[in-house]
């Protein structure tokens, strides 16, 4: 896959940072907040036909443009098809994060680091 302008530009770094935060979310956020984030992500995929950051980086033509995951995994030599990568990223990784959040927080009884942060922010804003 040829190199594109902006391969590692600002959108790449924003995208990568948001993904890293999502993968860390079972330890940071309540499982209920994570479910809300997943629902918003699914709505984004349905409503605009993909991730808005990917569309900003590669264009809106989802048929001919790569996804974030497919583009960078292909550069590293991953032999998976675009469809397989997208299924894995959109369902496998998302499901794994949700499962980890459930096991960590419900089964193991661990409290996320930012537990109650949103309630405190809202309470402070209302005062």
Foldseek 3Di string as FASTA:
>chain_A
DDDDPPLPHPLVVVVVVVVVCLLCCLQADALVVLVVVLVVQVVCCVVLVHDVSQCVVFNSPPVPTAGNQVVVVVVVPDPDDSVVRCCCVSPVSSVVSSVSSCCVCPVVVDDHPCPCVVVVVVVVVVD
